Amino acid sequence: MAKIYFTITGTNHYYGIEFLKSIMKDGTAVQLEKEPENKHDSEAIKVKMEGLGQVGYVANAPYTVLGESVSARRLYDKIGRTAVGHVLYVVKKQGVGGASATSTRIR
């Protein structure tokens, strides 16, 4: 499978970006899981880490998708019910209600 880049957002609603920056290193695995029952977004993809559970969502809004990342909507049909991604880097994006993001890729 070709490399697909995506952004994790909403981490402030779970453990917070500072905590995640301390444990998410280059290559850290994250589990992607489709959430079709999500009442706000039928193409939502939640992001989980082993031992922590959910840490955020794949970004799906134009103002939360960073760089060459694809949105959850574009990623949704390219993966099965679940997939594994790997962290590339962690950044704090300013001006989006304090949203934080992690750029990751599916290999």
N, C-alpha and C. Protein backbone atom coordinates (compact mmCIF):
# COMPACT_ATOMS: atom_id res chain seq x y z
N MET A 1 0.85 -1.19 0.00
CA MET A 1 0.00 0.00 0.00
C MET A 1 0.88 1.24 0.00
N ALA A 2 0.53 2.23 -0.80
CA ALA A 2 1.26 3.49 -0.83
C ALA A 2 1.13 4.20 0.50
N LYS A 3 2.08 5.06 0.80
CA LYS A 3 2.01 5.83 2.05
C LYS A 3 0.85 6.81 1.96
N ILE A 4 0.07 6.86 3.00
CA ILE A 4 -1.05 7.81 3.10
C ILE A 4 -0.85 8.59 4.39
N TYR A 5 -0.81 9.89 4.28
CA TYR A 5 -0.60 10.74 5.45
C TYR A 5 -1.94 11.26 5.96
N PHE A 6 -2.10 11.30 7.28
CA PHE A 6 -3.32 11.83 7.88
C PHE A 6 -2.97 12.57 9.16
N THR A 7 -3.86 13.40 9.61
CA THR A 7 -3.66 14.21 10.81
C THR A 7 -4.59 13.72 11.91
N ILE A 8 -4.05 13.60 13.11
CA ILE A 8 -4.88 13.27 14.27
C ILE A 8 -5.23 14.58 14.96
N THR A 9 -6.49 14.76 15.26
CA THR A 9 -6.94 15.99 15.92
C THR A 9 -7.82 15.64 17.11
N GLY A 10 -8.14 16.63 17.92
CA GLY A 10 -9.02 16.42 19.06
C GLY A 10 -8.33 15.80 20.26
N THR A 11 -7.02 15.75 20.25
CA THR A 11 -6.31 15.11 21.36
C THR A 11 -6.51 15.83 22.69
N ASN A 12 -6.83 17.11 22.64
CA ASN A 12 -7.07 17.87 23.88
C ASN A 12 -8.30 17.36 24.62
N HIS A 13 -9.20 16.67 23.93
CA HIS A 13 -10.40 16.13 24.57
C HIS A 13 -10.14 14.81 25.28
N TYR A 14 -8.95 14.26 25.10
CA TYR A 14 -8.62 12.97 25.69
C TYR A 14 -7.46 13.16 26.69
N TYR A 15 -6.24 13.04 26.25
CA TYR A 15 -5.10 13.13 27.16
C TYR A 15 -4.33 14.44 27.06
N GLY A 16 -4.55 15.19 26.01
CA GLY A 16 -3.85 16.46 25.82
C GLY A 16 -2.58 16.29 25.02
N ILE A 17 -2.23 17.33 24.31
CA ILE A 17 -1.08 17.28 23.41
C ILE A 17 0.23 17.14 24.16
N GLU A 18 0.37 17.78 25.30
CA GLU A 18 1.65 17.70 26.03
C GLU A 18 1.93 16.27 26.49
N PHE A 19 0.92 15.59 26.99
CA PHE A 19 1.09 14.20 27.38
C PHE A 19 1.44 13.34 26.17
N LEU A 20 0.68 13.52 25.09
CA LEU A 20 0.91 12.69 23.91
C LEU A 20 2.28 12.96 23.29
N LYS A 21 2.74 14.22 23.34
CA LYS A 21 4.08 14.53 22.82
C LYS A 21 5.14 13.75 23.58
N SER A 22 4.89 13.50 24.86
CA SER A 22 5.89 12.79 25.67
C SER A 22 5.94 11.30 25.35
N ILE A 23 4.87 10.73 24.79
CA ILE A 23 4.87 9.29 24.50
C ILE A 23 4.83 8.95 23.02
N MET A 24 4.36 9.88 22.18
CA MET A 24 4.31 9.62 20.74
C MET A 24 5.66 10.00 20.13
N LYS A 25 6.34 9.01 19.67
CA LYS A 25 7.63 9.23 19.02
C LYS A 25 7.53 8.75 17.58
N ASP A 26 8.50 9.10 16.77
CA ASP A 26 8.53 8.66 15.39
C ASP A 26 8.40 7.14 15.35
N GLY A 27 7.41 6.66 14.66
CA GLY A 27 7.20 5.23 14.52
C GLY A 27 6.19 4.63 15.49
N THR A 28 5.72 5.40 16.47
CA THR A 28 4.71 4.89 17.40
C THR A 28 3.47 4.47 16.62
N ALA A 29 2.98 3.28 16.90
CA ALA A 29 1.80 2.76 16.20
C ALA A 29 0.52 3.33 16.79
N VAL A 30 -0.42 3.65 15.92
CA VAL A 30 -1.77 4.05 16.33
C VAL A 30 -2.77 3.20 15.56
N GLN A 31 -3.84 2.85 16.22
CA GLN A 31 -4.90 2.03 15.62
C GLN A 31 -6.00 2.96 15.12
N LEU A 32 -6.41 2.78 13.88
CA LEU A 32 -7.53 3.54 13.31
C LEU A 32 -8.74 2.62 13.31
N GLU A 33 -9.88 3.17 13.70
CA GLU A 33 -11.10 2.37 13.74
C GLU A 33 -12.27 3.22 13.24
N LYS A 34 -12.92 2.74 12.20
CA LYS A 34 -14.08 3.47 11.69
C LYS A 34 -15.16 3.53 12.76
N GLU A 35 -15.88 4.65 12.77
CA GLU A 35 -16.95 4.85 13.75
C GLU A 35 -18.22 5.28 13.02
N PRO A 36 -18.83 4.38 12.24
CA PRO A 36 -19.99 4.76 11.42
C PRO A 36 -21.21 5.18 12.24
N GLU A 37 -21.26 4.80 13.51
CA GLU A 37 -22.39 5.19 14.36
C GLU A 37 -22.23 6.59 14.95
N ASN A 38 -21.14 7.28 14.63
CA ASN A 38 -20.91 8.63 15.14
C ASN A 38 -22.01 9.56 14.63
N LYS A 39 -22.77 10.17 15.54
CA LYS A 39 -23.92 10.99 15.13
C LYS A 39 -23.53 12.32 14.50
N HIS A 40 -22.27 12.73 14.66
CA HIS A 40 -21.82 14.00 14.09
C HIS A 40 -21.13 13.83 12.73
N ASP A 41 -20.59 12.62 12.48
CA ASP A 41 -19.83 12.39 11.26
C ASP A 41 -19.84 10.89 10.95
N SER A 42 -20.60 10.49 9.96
CA SER A 42 -20.73 9.06 9.63
C SER A 42 -19.45 8.48 9.03
N GLU A 43 -18.48 9.33 8.69
CA GLU A 43 -17.19 8.86 8.19
C GLU A 43 -16.07 9.11 9.20
N ALA A 44 -16.44 9.20 10.46
CA ALA A 44 -15.45 9.44 11.52
C ALA A 44 -14.53 8.22 11.66
N ILE A 45 -13.26 8.51 11.92
CA ILE A 45 -12.28 7.47 12.18
C ILE A 45 -11.59 7.82 13.49
N LYS A 46 -11.83 7.00 14.53
CA LYS A 46 -11.19 7.28 15.80
C LYS A 46 -9.78 6.71 15.81
N VAL A 47 -8.93 7.33 16.63
CA VAL A 47 -7.54 6.93 16.74
C VAL A 47 -7.30 6.45 18.16
N LYS A 48 -6.71 5.25 18.26
CA LYS A 48 -6.48 4.65 19.57
C LYS A 48 -5.00 4.28 19.71
N MET A 49 -4.55 4.23 20.96
CA MET A 49 -3.21 3.74 21.26
C MET A 49 -3.34 2.61 22.26
N GLU A 50 -2.52 1.59 22.07
CA GLU A 50 -2.54 0.44 22.96
C GLU A 50 -2.30 0.89 24.40
N GLY A 51 -3.15 0.45 25.30
CA GLY A 51 -3.02 0.78 26.71
C GLY A 51 -3.70 2.07 27.12
N LEU A 52 -4.05 2.91 26.15
CA LEU A 52 -4.71 4.20 26.44
C LEU A 52 -6.14 4.25 25.94
N GLY A 53 -6.42 3.56 24.87
CA GLY A 53 -7.73 3.68 24.23
C GLY A 53 -7.73 4.85 23.27
N GLN A 54 -8.85 5.50 23.14
CA GLN A 54 -8.98 6.59 22.16
C GLN A 54 -8.17 7.81 22.58
N VAL A 55 -7.44 8.37 21.60
CA VAL A 55 -6.64 9.57 21.84
C VAL A 55 -7.05 10.72 20.93
N GLY A 56 -7.94 10.48 19.96
CA GLY A 56 -8.38 11.53 19.06
C GLY A 56 -9.12 10.94 17.86
N TYR A 57 -9.19 11.75 16.80
CA TYR A 57 -9.85 11.36 15.55
C TYR A 57 -8.96 11.75 14.38
N VAL A 58 -9.14 11.07 13.26
CA VAL A 58 -8.51 11.52 12.02
C VAL A 58 -9.23 12.81 11.63
N ALA A 59 -8.46 13.86 11.36
CA ALA A 59 -9.03 15.16 11.01
C ALA A 59 -9.90 15.06 9.76
N ASN A 60 -11.03 15.79 9.77
CA ASN A 60 -11.94 15.73 8.64
C ASN A 60 -12.38 17.11 8.16
N ALA A 61 -11.91 18.16 8.81
CA ALA A 61 -12.28 19.52 8.41
C ALA A 61 -11.07 20.19 7.76
N PRO A 62 -11.30 21.04 6.76
CA PRO A 62 -10.19 21.69 6.05
C PRO A 62 -9.23 22.44 6.98
N TYR A 63 -9.73 23.00 8.07
CA TYR A 63 -8.86 23.76 8.96
C TYR A 63 -8.11 22.88 9.97
N THR A 64 -8.37 21.58 9.99
CA THR A 64 -7.63 20.69 10.89
C THR A 64 -6.72 19.71 10.16
N VAL A 65 -6.87 19.57 8.85
CA VAL A 65 -6.02 18.68 8.07
C VAL A 65 -4.75 19.43 7.72
N LEU A 66 -3.60 18.89 8.13
CA LEU A 66 -2.31 19.57 7.92
C LEU A 66 -1.58 19.09 6.66
N GLY A 67 -0.90 20.01 6.00
CA GLY A 67 0.00 19.67 4.90
C GLY A 67 -0.60 18.76 3.85
N GLU A 68 0.13 17.69 3.55
CA GLU A 68 -0.28 16.74 2.50
C GLU A 68 -1.18 15.62 3.04
N SER A 69 -1.68 15.80 4.24
CA SER A 69 -2.56 14.79 4.84
C SER A 69 -3.88 14.70 4.10
N VAL A 70 -4.51 13.52 4.17
CA VAL A 70 -5.86 13.36 3.62
C VAL A 70 -6.85 13.46 4.78
N SER A 71 -8.06 13.85 4.46
CA SER A 71 -9.12 13.94 5.46
C SER A 71 -9.67 12.54 5.75
N ALA A 72 -10.40 12.42 6.85
CA ALA A 72 -11.05 11.15 7.18
C ALA A 72 -11.98 10.73 6.05
N ARG A 73 -12.65 11.67 5.45
CA ARG A 73 -13.57 11.36 4.34
C ARG A 73 -12.83 10.69 3.19
N ARG A 74 -11.64 11.19 2.85
CA ARG A 74 -10.86 10.61 1.74
C ARG A 74 -10.21 9.29 2.15
N LEU A 75 -9.92 9.12 3.43
CA LEU A 75 -9.28 7.91 3.92
C LEU A 75 -10.27 6.77 4.15
N TYR A 76 -11.50 7.11 4.46
CA TYR A 76 -12.51 6.15 4.91
C TYR A 76 -12.64 4.93 3.99
N ASP A 77 -12.71 5.13 2.70
CA ASP A 77 -12.90 4.02 1.76
C ASP A 77 -11.60 3.33 1.37
N LYS A 78 -10.46 3.84 1.86
CA LYS A 78 -9.17 3.24 1.53
C LYS A 78 -8.71 2.23 2.57
N ILE A 79 -9.42 2.16 3.71
CA ILE A 79 -9.04 1.24 4.77
C ILE A 79 -10.20 0.30 5.06
N GLY A 80 -9.91 -0.80 5.73
CA GLY A 80 -10.96 -1.69 6.20
C GLY A 80 -11.60 -1.10 7.45
N ARG A 81 -12.22 -1.94 8.25
CA ARG A 81 -12.83 -1.48 9.50
C ARG A 81 -11.79 -0.89 10.44
N THR A 82 -10.57 -1.46 10.38
CA THR A 82 -9.46 -0.95 11.18
C THR A 82 -8.21 -0.88 10.31
N ALA A 83 -7.24 -0.11 10.78
CA ALA A 83 -5.94 0.00 10.11
C ALA A 83 -4.93 0.45 11.15
N VAL A 84 -3.67 0.33 10.82
CA VAL A 84 -2.60 0.78 11.71
C VAL A 84 -1.82 1.89 11.02
N GLY A 85 -1.56 2.98 11.75
CA GLY A 85 -0.73 4.07 11.26
C GLY A 85 0.48 4.23 12.16
N HIS A 86 1.43 5.03 11.73
CA HIS A 86 2.64 5.28 12.51
C HIS A 86 2.90 6.77 12.59
N VAL A 87 3.24 7.24 13.77
CA VAL A 87 3.47 8.66 14.03
C VAL A 87 4.74 9.13 13.32
N LEU A 88 4.65 10.28 12.68
CA LEU A 88 5.83 10.93 12.09
C LEU A 88 6.32 12.06 12.98
N TYR A 89 5.40 12.92 13.43
CA TYR A 89 5.75 14.02 14.31
C TYR A 89 4.51 14.56 14.99
N VAL A 90 4.72 15.34 16.04
CA VAL A 90 3.62 15.92 16.81
C VAL A 90 3.82 17.43 16.83
N VAL A 91 2.77 18.17 16.49
CA VAL A 91 2.81 19.63 16.49
C VAL A 91 1.56 20.17 17.17
N LYS A 92 1.64 21.39 17.64
CA LYS A 92 0.46 22.08 18.17
C LYS A 92 0.12 23.16 17.16
N LYS A 93 -1.07 23.04 16.58
CA LYS A 93 -1.52 24.01 15.59
C LYS A 93 -2.26 25.13 16.31
N GLN A 94 -1.84 26.34 16.13
CA GLN A 94 -2.47 27.49 16.78
C GLN A 94 -3.68 27.99 15.99
N GLY A 95 -4.62 28.60 16.67
CA GLY A 95 -5.73 29.25 15.99
C GLY A 95 -6.88 28.34 15.63
N VAL A 96 -6.89 27.11 16.13
CA VAL A 96 -7.99 26.20 15.83
C VAL A 96 -8.58 25.74 17.15
N GLY A 97 -8.91 26.69 18.00
CA GLY A 97 -9.49 26.34 19.27
C GLY A 97 -8.57 25.47 20.11
N GLY A 98 -7.27 25.67 19.94
CA GLY A 98 -6.31 24.90 20.71
C GLY A 98 -6.17 23.46 20.23
N ALA A 99 -6.67 23.17 19.03
CA ALA A 99 -6.58 21.80 18.53
C ALA A 99 -5.12 21.39 18.36
N SER A 100 -4.86 20.15 18.59
CA SER A 100 -3.52 19.63 18.39
C SER A 100 -3.56 18.59 17.29
N ALA A 101 -2.43 18.33 16.70
CA ALA A 101 -2.42 17.40 15.59
C ALA A 101 -1.14 16.59 15.57
N THR A 102 -1.25 15.41 15.07
CA THR A 102 -0.12 14.53 14.88
C THR A 102 -0.16 14.06 13.44
N SER A 103 0.92 14.22 12.73
CA SER A 103 0.95 13.72 11.37
C SER A 103 1.41 12.27 11.42
N THR A 104 0.67 11.43 10.76
CA THR A 104 0.97 10.00 10.78
C THR A 104 0.80 9.45 9.38
N ARG A 105 1.20 8.20 9.21
CA ARG A 105 1.03 7.59 7.89
C ARG A 105 0.65 6.13 8.04
N ILE A 106 -0.02 5.63 7.05
CA ILE A 106 -0.32 4.21 6.94
C ILE A 106 0.70 3.65 5.98
N ARG A 107 1.36 2.58 6.35
CA ARG A 107 2.37 1.99 5.47
C ARG A 107 1.79 0.83 4.73
